[in-house]
Protein backbone atom coordinates (compact mmCIF):
# COMPACT_ATOMS: atom_id res chain seq x y z
CA UNK A 1 -32.68 -23.98 11.62
CA UNK A 2 -34.78 -20.94 11.02
CA UNK A 3 -34.74 -18.88 7.85
CA UNK A 4 -32.83 -16.00 9.41
CA UNK A 5 -29.95 -18.22 10.46
CA UNK A 6 -29.60 -19.74 7.00
CA UNK A 7 -29.56 -16.38 5.21
CA UNK A 8 -26.78 -15.12 7.47
CA UNK A 9 -24.77 -18.24 6.73
CA UNK A 10 -25.10 -17.68 2.99
CA UNK A 11 -23.98 -14.08 3.27
CA UNK A 12 -20.76 -15.12 4.98
CA UNK A 13 -19.68 -17.37 2.12
CA UNK A 14 -16.87 -15.98 0.02
CA UNK A 15 -15.92 -13.17 2.38
CA UNK A 16 -12.26 -12.99 3.24
CA UNK A 17 -10.81 -10.78 5.94
CA UNK A 18 -7.99 -9.40 3.80
CA UNK A 19 -7.45 -5.86 2.61
CA UNK A 20 -7.66 -5.71 -1.15
CA UNK A 21 -4.91 -3.93 -2.99
CA UNK A 22 -6.19 -0.90 -4.85
CA UNK A 23 -5.42 0.30 -8.32
CA UNK A 24 -1.77 1.22 -8.75
CA UNK A 25 -2.49 4.70 -10.04
CA UNK A 26 -4.90 5.46 -7.20
CA UNK A 27 -2.35 4.42 -4.60
CA UNK A 28 0.86 5.82 -6.09
CA UNK A 29 -0.27 9.20 -7.47
CA UNK A 30 -0.84 10.85 -4.05
CA UNK A 31 2.52 9.49 -2.89
CA UNK A 32 4.34 10.82 -5.94
CA UNK A 33 2.95 14.33 -5.34
CA UNK A 34 4.59 14.50 -1.90
CA UNK A 35 8.02 15.91 -1.16
CA UNK A 36 10.68 13.67 0.36
CA UNK A 37 10.22 15.21 3.81
CA UNK A 38 6.55 14.17 3.80
CA UNK A 39 7.10 10.56 2.68
CA UNK A 40 6.45 7.96 5.37
CA UNK A 41 7.74 4.43 5.58
CA UNK A 42 4.25 3.18 4.69
CA UNK A 43 4.37 5.21 1.48
CA UNK A 44 7.64 3.53 0.58
CA UNK A 45 6.18 0.10 1.33
CA UNK A 46 3.31 0.87 -1.05
CA UNK A 47 5.75 1.84 -3.80
CA UNK A 48 7.72 -1.37 -3.28
CA UNK A 49 4.47 -3.33 -3.38
CA UNK A 50 3.88 -1.99 -6.88
CA UNK A 51 7.39 -3.07 -7.99
CA UNK A 52 9.20 0.24 -7.68
CA UNK A 53 12.95 -0.17 -7.26
CA UNK A 54 15.17 1.76 -4.88
CA UNK A 55 16.93 3.45 -7.80
CA UNK A 56 13.62 4.65 -9.23
CA UNK A 57 12.55 6.02 -5.85
CA UNK A 58 15.88 7.79 -5.34
CA UNK A 59 15.66 9.44 -8.76
CA UNK A 60 12.05 10.49 -8.24
CA UNK A 61 12.54 12.05 -4.80
CA UNK A 62 16.23 13.01 -4.96
CA UNK A 63 17.15 10.85 -1.98
CA UNK A 64 20.06 8.47 -1.59
CA UNK A 65 19.59 4.75 -1.11
CA UNK A 66 20.83 5.13 2.45
CA UNK A 67 18.11 7.73 3.19
CA UNK A 68 15.46 5.43 1.73
CA UNK A 69 16.57 2.51 3.89
CA UNK A 70 16.60 4.70 6.99
CA UNK A 71 13.10 5.93 6.21
CA UNK A 72 11.89 2.32 5.91
CA UNK A 73 13.17 1.61 9.43
CA UNK A 74 11.01 4.32 11.01
């Protein structure tokens, strides 16, 4: 093996092809500034990922649980 091949092999160690979850405040603050009409299903998935409950989301955006579930289906 030549030196170039070995160095590339060492660089690949410990790299995982997985998206890392960001800081909760960095992810949720832009979502919380939006109005309900601008919220996407991906925004809701991010809120659920950070342990938001449906009741908390409905109080924050003034939407019913039924509207939240329908938005998740989009």
